[in-house]
Amino acid sequence: MKDAAIENREVTWDVLDAPVHGTITAPTDGDAHPAVVFVAGSGPTDRDWCSPLLLGTNGSGKLLAEELARRGFLTLRYDKLASGPHVRENLPKFAGKVSMESHMAELAGAVQAVVAEERFDGRGLYALTNSEGAIHAVNYQLQARSDRFKGLVLTGAPGRAIGDVSRGQIYAQARTLPNAEALMGHYDEAIADFVAGRPMVVDPSLPEAMTPFFRALENPINLPFSRELWKYSLPEYIIGVHEPALILIGKKDIQIDWKIDGAALERAADKSVTSFAYPDNANHVLKHEDLSLEQLTAEYVSLHYNADEVKLDEEAVNTIFDWLGRRSVEASTSPIKAGISASYPTREVPKPHP
């Protein structure tokens, strides 16, 4: 099945009265298959895991989806409302309305689209996420009354509050400056305003290059989601997920720290069903990286994440494929539940566990 012929087909569903666009990639054999729903990372990251903020179109999402289809999975990946080629036409409908709830509605629509597929086998339904996508998949899993994932693959998953992750990334770039600590103090002051819902007062000593960052946080288009996301800490929620999960963070990931974030998730996750993997040479988007972690810079990775010549990391993808393969074999021996429902609850996100 590894070299099966595959085909792509476009699907859409509505969220906030705007169409969400996705691609189903599946074997051409006409048989029923287990399904994997992809959930992209933060910002304007599209269905292929590409972004206008990064050079290149060699997105890991597309590469993974096509390879999984060759291995006998039906896959669906989609553009979030604020990503992909339809942003401009959708903007009037979603501006100022994007939230945790709308992101879960996007994912719920994707699940409904998969469940409705004649070639979905009715048993093996999985999520494969990157970065922020882990948050939306976990939130969905905690709320769904039906069509729950049989397993979750969470790659580049944050183990700290998103605000803490972002601060760590900024400090890593500023720490060589002679006044780094003072600058970070001013940064913290501005962020405290943001979290409290006050207009940010940005100290003039902060680098001008940070201005777009602060503006993006306060942009009415991004609110209320940016404040919700900033305070979100995945370990407080993943503790409630008891389905099988694979959490994978590459050791060459400069956005998520495999030691710090991985340890936090290991402390929180249900270890009876959760596996952890830390591939030696995988970066944040699961591409292979030969340089040492110390040599990697934000500028370098932004140029290489989706460059044409960059390949997926073999250790990372084999770990994912093997895990999904084992889960799908287990699911194939379980009975199919009659009357699969595609309903989606509208309950609020559960409160963090104490």
Protein backbone atom coordinates (compact mmCIF):
# COMPACT_ATOMS: atom_id res chain seq x y z
CA MET A 1 0.00 0.00 0.00
CA LYS A 2 3.02 2.28 0.54
CA ASP A 3 3.22 3.25 -3.13
CA ALA A 4 -0.52 3.51 -3.79
CA ALA A 5 -1.73 6.06 -6.32
CA ILE A 6 -3.41 9.05 -4.68
CA GLU A 7 -5.82 11.81 -5.65
CA ASN A 8 -6.76 15.25 -4.31
CA ARG A 9 -10.24 16.73 -4.03
CA GLU A 10 -11.40 20.11 -2.72
CA VAL A 11 -14.04 20.37 0.01
CA THR A 12 -15.57 23.34 1.84
CA TRP A 13 -17.66 24.04 4.93
CA ASP A 14 -18.79 27.26 6.58
CA VAL A 15 -17.60 28.94 9.78
CA LEU A 16 -18.73 32.46 10.72
CA ASP A 17 -20.67 32.49 7.43
CA ALA A 18 -17.40 32.18 5.51
CA PRO A 19 -16.17 29.12 3.58
CA VAL A 20 -13.29 27.08 4.96
CA HIS A 21 -11.38 25.42 2.11
CA GLY A 22 -9.70 22.05 2.42
CA THR A 23 -8.08 19.25 0.44
CA ILE A 24 -8.89 15.58 0.81
CA THR A 25 -5.99 13.40 -0.28
CA ALA A 26 -6.69 9.68 -0.48
CA PRO A 27 -5.76 6.47 -2.28
CA THR A 28 -7.48 5.98 -5.63
CA ASP A 29 -8.43 2.36 -4.89
CA GLY A 30 -12.00 3.20 -3.86
CA ASP A 31 -11.67 1.24 -0.59
CA ALA A 32 -12.52 2.54 2.89
CA HIS A 33 -9.58 3.87 4.91
CA PRO A 34 -8.79 5.36 8.31
CA ALA A 35 -8.64 9.16 8.29
CA VAL A 36 -6.21 11.80 9.51
CA VAL A 37 -7.29 15.43 9.95
CA PHE A 38 -4.42 17.94 9.83
CA VAL A 39 -4.44 21.06 12.01
CA ALA A 40 -1.90 23.73 11.08
CA GLY A 41 0.15 25.96 13.37
CA SER A 42 -0.08 29.60 14.32
CA GLY A 43 -0.54 32.72 12.23
CA PRO A 44 -1.52 32.65 8.55
CA THR A 45 -0.32 29.05 8.13
CA ASP A 46 -2.33 27.34 5.40
CA ARG A 47 -3.40 23.77 4.70
CA ASP A 48 0.04 22.84 3.34
CA TRP A 49 1.73 24.41 6.41
CA CYS A 50 3.02 27.30 4.33
CA SER A 51 2.79 30.98 5.27
CA PRO A 52 3.22 34.31 3.48
CA LEU A 53 5.59 35.17 6.34
CA LEU A 54 7.98 32.44 5.19
CA LEU A 55 9.67 31.84 1.88
CA GLY A 56 8.91 28.70 -0.10
CA THR A 57 5.96 26.45 -0.83
CA ASN A 58 7.41 23.08 0.19
CA GLY A 59 5.02 22.73 3.13
CA SER A 60 5.32 19.82 5.54
CA GLY A 61 1.54 19.42 5.80
CA LYS A 62 1.19 18.65 2.11
CA LEU A 63 4.19 16.30 2.14
CA LEU A 64 2.88 14.38 5.15
CA ALA A 65 -0.68 14.17 3.83
CA GLU A 66 0.42 12.79 0.49
CA GLU A 67 2.72 10.21 2.07
CA LEU A 68 0.01 9.09 4.49
CA ALA A 69 -2.39 8.72 1.56
CA ARG A 70 0.16 6.51 -0.20
CA ARG A 71 0.24 4.40 2.97
CA GLY A 72 -3.53 3.88 3.01
CA PHE A 73 -4.95 6.85 4.92
CA LEU A 74 -7.63 9.31 3.88
CA THR A 75 -6.34 12.76 4.86
CA LEU A 76 -7.90 16.21 5.13
CA ARG A 77 -6.02 19.46 5.57
CA TYR A 78 -7.57 22.92 5.48
CA ASP A 79 -6.88 26.64 5.38
CA LYS A 80 -7.92 28.45 8.52
CA LEU A 81 -10.11 31.47 7.79
CA ALA A 82 -7.12 33.79 8.21
CA SER A 83 -4.86 31.77 5.90
CA GLY A 84 -4.68 30.61 2.32
CA PRO A 85 -5.77 32.30 -0.91
CA HIS A 86 -9.26 33.30 0.26
CA VAL A 87 -8.30 35.57 3.16
CA ARG A 88 -9.16 38.82 1.42
CA GLU A 89 -12.67 37.73 0.48
CA ASN A 90 -13.31 36.17 3.92
CA LEU A 91 -11.88 39.03 5.99
CA PRO A 92 -15.09 41.10 6.35
CA LYS A 93 -16.85 38.03 7.75
CA PHE A 94 -14.30 36.89 10.33
CA ALA A 95 -12.55 40.12 11.38
CA GLY A 96 -12.81 40.52 15.14
CA LYS A 97 -14.67 37.21 15.50
CA VAL A 98 -11.81 34.72 15.49
CA SER A 99 -11.64 32.91 18.82
CA MET A 100 -10.86 29.56 20.38
CA GLU A 101 -14.45 28.62 19.59
CA SER A 102 -14.16 29.54 15.91
CA HIS A 103 -10.95 27.55 15.56
CA MET A 104 -12.70 24.53 17.04
CA ALA A 105 -15.60 25.10 14.66
CA GLU A 106 -13.13 24.98 11.76
CA LEU A 107 -11.80 21.66 13.04
CA ALA A 108 -15.29 20.33 13.73
CA GLY A 109 -16.23 21.12 10.14
CA ALA A 110 -13.18 19.20 8.96
CA VAL A 111 -14.22 16.21 11.06
CA GLN A 112 -17.74 16.37 9.64
CA ALA A 113 -16.34 16.43 6.12
CA VAL A 114 -14.23 13.34 6.79
CA VAL A 115 -17.03 11.43 8.52
CA ALA A 116 -19.27 12.11 5.52
CA GLU A 117 -16.74 10.54 3.13
CA GLU A 118 -17.86 7.20 1.72
CA ARG A 119 -14.25 6.04 1.82
CA PHE A 120 -13.85 6.69 5.56
CA ASP A 121 -13.83 3.31 7.30
CA GLY A 122 -15.80 4.57 10.31
CA ARG A 123 -13.24 3.47 12.89
CA GLY A 124 -9.84 5.11 12.63
CA LEU A 125 -10.11 8.90 13.00
CA TYR A 126 -6.94 10.76 14.02
CA ALA A 127 -5.59 14.30 14.33
CA LEU A 128 -2.11 15.33 13.19
CA THR A 129 -1.22 18.81 14.40
CA ASN A 130 1.65 21.25 14.40
CA SER A 131 2.41 23.88 17.04
CA GLU A 132 -0.75 25.86 17.92
CA GLY A 133 -2.81 23.22 16.15
CA ALA A 134 -2.34 20.97 19.19
CA ILE A 135 -4.40 23.43 21.24
CA HIS A 136 -7.39 23.27 18.92
CA ALA A 137 -7.27 19.48 18.62
CA VAL A 138 -7.12 19.03 22.39
CA ASN A 139 -9.96 21.50 22.93
CA TYR A 140 -12.04 19.67 20.35
CA GLN A 141 -11.30 16.33 21.97
CA LEU A 142 -12.35 17.61 25.40
CA GLN A 143 -15.69 18.84 24.08
CA ALA A 144 -16.78 16.47 21.32
CA ARG A 145 -19.74 14.27 22.25
CA SER A 146 -19.32 12.25 19.06
CA ASP A 147 -16.77 11.79 16.29
CA ARG A 148 -13.92 11.93 18.75
CA PHE A 149 -10.40 11.25 17.61
CA LYS A 150 -9.14 7.74 18.26
CA GLY A 151 -5.68 9.22 18.67
CA LEU A 152 -3.77 12.50 18.40
CA VAL A 153 -0.33 13.23 16.98
CA LEU A 154 0.82 16.58 18.40
CA THR A 155 4.04 17.87 16.85
CA GLY A 156 5.91 20.96 18.03
CA ALA A 157 3.38 21.20 20.87
CA PRO A 158 3.94 23.97 23.44
CA GLY A 159 4.31 22.88 27.06
CA ARG A 160 4.20 26.41 28.45
CA ALA A 161 1.68 29.21 28.23
CA ILE A 162 1.87 30.69 24.74
CA GLY A 163 2.92 34.05 26.18
CA ASP A 164 5.85 32.36 27.92
CA VAL A 165 6.86 30.57 24.72
CA SER A 166 6.78 33.86 22.81
CA ARG A 167 8.81 35.64 25.46
CA GLY A 168 11.43 32.91 25.32
CA GLN A 169 11.70 33.26 21.55
CA ILE A 170 12.12 37.04 21.81
CA TYR A 171 14.66 36.79 24.61
CA ALA A 172 16.69 34.30 22.58
CA GLN A 173 17.09 36.98 19.91
CA ALA A 174 17.73 39.85 22.36
CA ARG A 175 20.01 38.21 24.90
CA THR A 176 23.23 39.23 23.15
CA LEU A 177 22.34 42.92 23.40
CA PRO A 178 24.06 44.83 26.23
CA ASN A 179 20.72 46.08 27.59
CA ALA A 180 18.80 42.84 27.06
CA GLU A 181 17.37 42.62 30.57
CA ALA A 182 16.13 46.22 30.53
CA LEU A 183 14.54 45.69 27.13
CA MET A 184 12.77 42.56 28.31
CA GLY A 185 11.49 44.50 31.31
CA HIS A 186 9.89 47.03 28.97
CA TYR A 187 8.55 44.17 26.89
CA ASP A 188 6.93 42.67 29.99
CA GLU A 189 5.32 46.00 30.83
CA ALA A 190 3.74 46.26 27.40
CA ILE A 191 2.51 42.67 27.54
CA ALA A 192 1.01 43.22 30.99
CA ASP A 193 -1.11 45.98 29.45
CA PHE A 194 -2.17 43.66 26.64
CA VAL A 195 -3.18 40.81 28.94
CA ALA A 196 -5.14 43.21 31.15
CA GLY A 197 -7.04 44.57 28.16
CA ARG A 198 -5.42 48.01 28.32
CA PRO A 199 -3.86 49.80 25.33
CA MET A 200 -0.19 48.82 25.20
CA VAL A 201 2.34 51.49 26.09
CA VAL A 202 5.49 50.54 24.18
CA ASP A 203 8.69 51.99 25.58
CA PRO A 204 10.62 53.85 22.86
CA SER A 205 13.83 52.03 23.77
CA LEU A 206 12.42 48.76 22.42
CA PRO A 207 13.71 47.89 18.92
CA GLU A 208 11.56 49.29 16.13
CA ALA A 209 11.47 45.81 14.62
CA MET A 210 9.16 44.75 17.47
CA THR A 211 6.48 47.29 16.53
CA PRO A 212 4.70 44.97 14.04
CA PHE A 213 4.61 42.28 16.73
CA PHE A 214 2.82 44.54 19.22
CA ARG A 215 0.49 45.88 16.54
CA ALA A 216 -0.47 42.36 15.51
CA LEU A 217 -1.41 41.46 19.08
CA GLU A 218 -3.69 44.47 19.43
CA ASN A 219 -5.10 44.37 15.91
CA PRO A 220 -8.90 44.21 16.26
CA ILE A 221 -8.95 41.57 13.53
CA ASN A 222 -7.04 39.19 15.84
CA LEU A 223 -9.02 39.87 19.00
CA PRO A 224 -10.33 38.20 21.13
CA PHE A 225 -8.31 35.20 20.00
CA SER A 226 -4.86 36.69 20.60
CA ARG A 227 -5.63 37.32 24.29
CA GLU A 228 -7.20 33.88 24.71
CA LEU A 229 -4.20 32.24 23.09
CA TRP A 230 -1.64 34.26 25.05
CA LYS A 231 -2.82 32.85 28.37
CA TYR A 232 -3.47 29.31 27.17
CA SER A 233 -1.30 26.57 28.68
CA LEU A 234 -1.71 23.19 27.00
CA PRO A 235 -0.68 21.05 30.02
CA GLU A 236 -3.71 22.38 31.93
CA TYR A 237 -5.98 20.86 29.29
CA ILE A 238 -4.14 17.81 28.01
CA ILE A 239 -4.47 16.27 31.44
CA GLY A 240 -8.10 15.58 30.50
CA VAL A 241 -7.29 13.68 27.30
CA HIS A 242 -7.22 9.92 27.79
CA GLU A 243 -7.13 8.73 24.19
CA PRO A 244 -3.80 7.55 22.76
CA ALA A 245 -1.46 10.39 21.84
CA LEU A 246 1.98 10.86 20.36
CA ILE A 247 3.73 14.09 21.34
CA LEU A 248 6.73 14.78 19.13
CA ILE A 249 9.15 17.72 19.46
CA GLY A 250 12.32 17.89 17.40
CA LYS A 251 15.61 18.65 19.10
CA LYS A 252 16.36 21.22 16.38
CA ASP A 253 13.13 23.12 17.09
CA ILE A 254 14.02 26.74 17.96
CA GLN A 255 10.39 27.70 18.67
CA ILE A 256 9.52 24.97 21.15
CA ASP A 257 12.13 23.66 23.60
CA TRP A 258 12.07 19.88 23.61
CA LYS A 259 13.44 19.76 27.15
CA ILE A 260 11.32 22.46 28.79
CA ASP A 261 8.08 22.02 26.85
CA GLY A 262 8.47 18.27 26.57
CA ALA A 263 9.00 17.89 30.32
CA ALA A 264 5.93 19.99 31.11
CA LEU A 265 3.76 17.90 28.79
CA GLU A 266 5.20 14.67 30.16
CA ARG A 267 4.21 15.74 33.68
CA ALA A 268 0.65 16.53 32.58
CA ALA A 269 -0.26 13.88 30.00
CA ASP A 270 -1.82 10.50 30.73
CA LYS A 271 1.32 8.37 30.50
CA SER A 272 -0.67 5.17 30.20
CA VAL A 273 -1.67 6.14 26.65
CA THR A 274 0.76 8.91 25.66
CA SER A 275 4.08 8.40 23.91
CA PHE A 276 6.82 10.99 23.55
CA ALA A 277 9.45 11.31 20.83
CA TYR A 278 12.28 13.81 20.40
CA PRO A 279 13.91 13.26 16.99
CA ASP A 280 17.53 14.40 16.98
CA ASN A 281 17.49 16.45 13.78
CA ALA A 282 13.87 17.54 13.28
CA ASN A 283 12.97 21.23 13.36
CA HIS A 284 9.62 22.82 14.25
CA VAL A 285 7.94 21.77 10.98
CA LEU A 286 9.50 18.29 10.98
CA LYS A 287 12.13 19.06 8.34
CA HIS A 288 15.62 17.61 8.66
CA GLU A 289 18.26 20.03 9.93
CA ASP A 290 22.00 19.33 9.76
CA LEU A 291 23.17 22.43 11.61
CA SER A 292 23.52 22.31 15.38
CA LEU A 293 20.82 23.92 17.49
CA GLU A 294 23.27 26.66 18.49
CA GLN A 295 23.85 27.57 14.84
CA LEU A 296 20.18 27.98 14.03
CA THR A 297 18.77 31.50 13.94
CA ALA A 298 15.28 32.84 13.30
CA GLU A 299 16.44 34.32 10.01
CA TYR A 300 17.99 31.05 8.86
CA VAL A 301 14.98 28.87 9.65
CA SER A 302 12.55 31.32 8.06
CA LEU A 303 14.48 30.91 4.82
CA HIS A 304 14.72 27.12 5.04
CA TYR A 305 11.47 25.81 6.57
CA ASN A 306 9.74 25.49 3.21
CA ALA A 307 12.64 25.68 0.77
CA ASP A 308 12.32 23.28 -2.16
CA GLU A 309 15.45 21.31 -1.33
CA VAL A 310 14.63 20.72 2.35
CA LYS A 311 13.29 17.27 3.22
CA LEU A 312 11.14 15.89 5.99
CA ASP A 313 13.14 14.40 8.83
CA GLU A 314 13.17 10.63 8.39
CA GLU A 315 13.19 9.81 12.10
CA ALA A 316 10.28 12.14 12.80
CA VAL A 317 8.03 10.97 9.98
CA ASN A 318 8.77 7.28 10.53
CA THR A 319 7.83 7.71 14.19
CA ILE A 320 4.53 9.31 13.15
CA PHE A 321 3.77 6.78 10.42
CA ASP A 322 4.58 3.81 12.67
CA TRP A 323 2.41 5.17 15.48
CA LEU A 324 -0.55 5.82 13.18
CA GLY A 325 -0.06 2.45 11.52
CA ARG A 326 -0.27 0.62 14.84
CA ARG A 327 -3.33 2.58 15.92
CA SER A 328 -5.11 1.94 12.62
CA VAL A 329 -4.48 -1.81 12.89
CA GLU A 330 -5.96 -1.79 16.40
CA ALA A 331 -8.96 0.23 15.18
CA SER A 332 -9.56 -2.14 12.27
CA THR A 333 -10.27 -4.99 14.71
CA SER A 334 -12.81 -2.97 16.72
CA PRO A 335 -16.52 -2.94 15.82
CA ILE A 336 -17.89 -0.03 13.80
CA LYS A 337 -20.40 2.00 15.77
CA ALA A 338 -23.70 2.35 13.99
CA GLY A 339 -25.08 5.75 13.11
CA ILE A 340 -21.94 7.85 13.29
CA SER A 341 -22.98 11.39 14.09
CA ALA A 342 -21.19 14.51 12.89
CA SER A 343 -22.73 16.79 15.51
CA TYR A 344 -20.53 19.33 17.28
CA PRO A 345 -21.26 20.65 20.76
CA THR A 346 -21.20 24.38 21.42
CA ARG A 347 -20.14 24.17 25.04
CA GLU A 348 -17.46 26.50 26.35
CA VAL A 349 -13.86 25.34 26.55
CA PRO A 350 -13.47 23.41 29.82
CA LYS A 351 -11.78 25.26 32.65
CA PRO A 352 -8.18 24.21 33.35
CA HIS A 353 -7.76 21.46 35.90
CA PRO A 354 -6.37 22.69 39.22
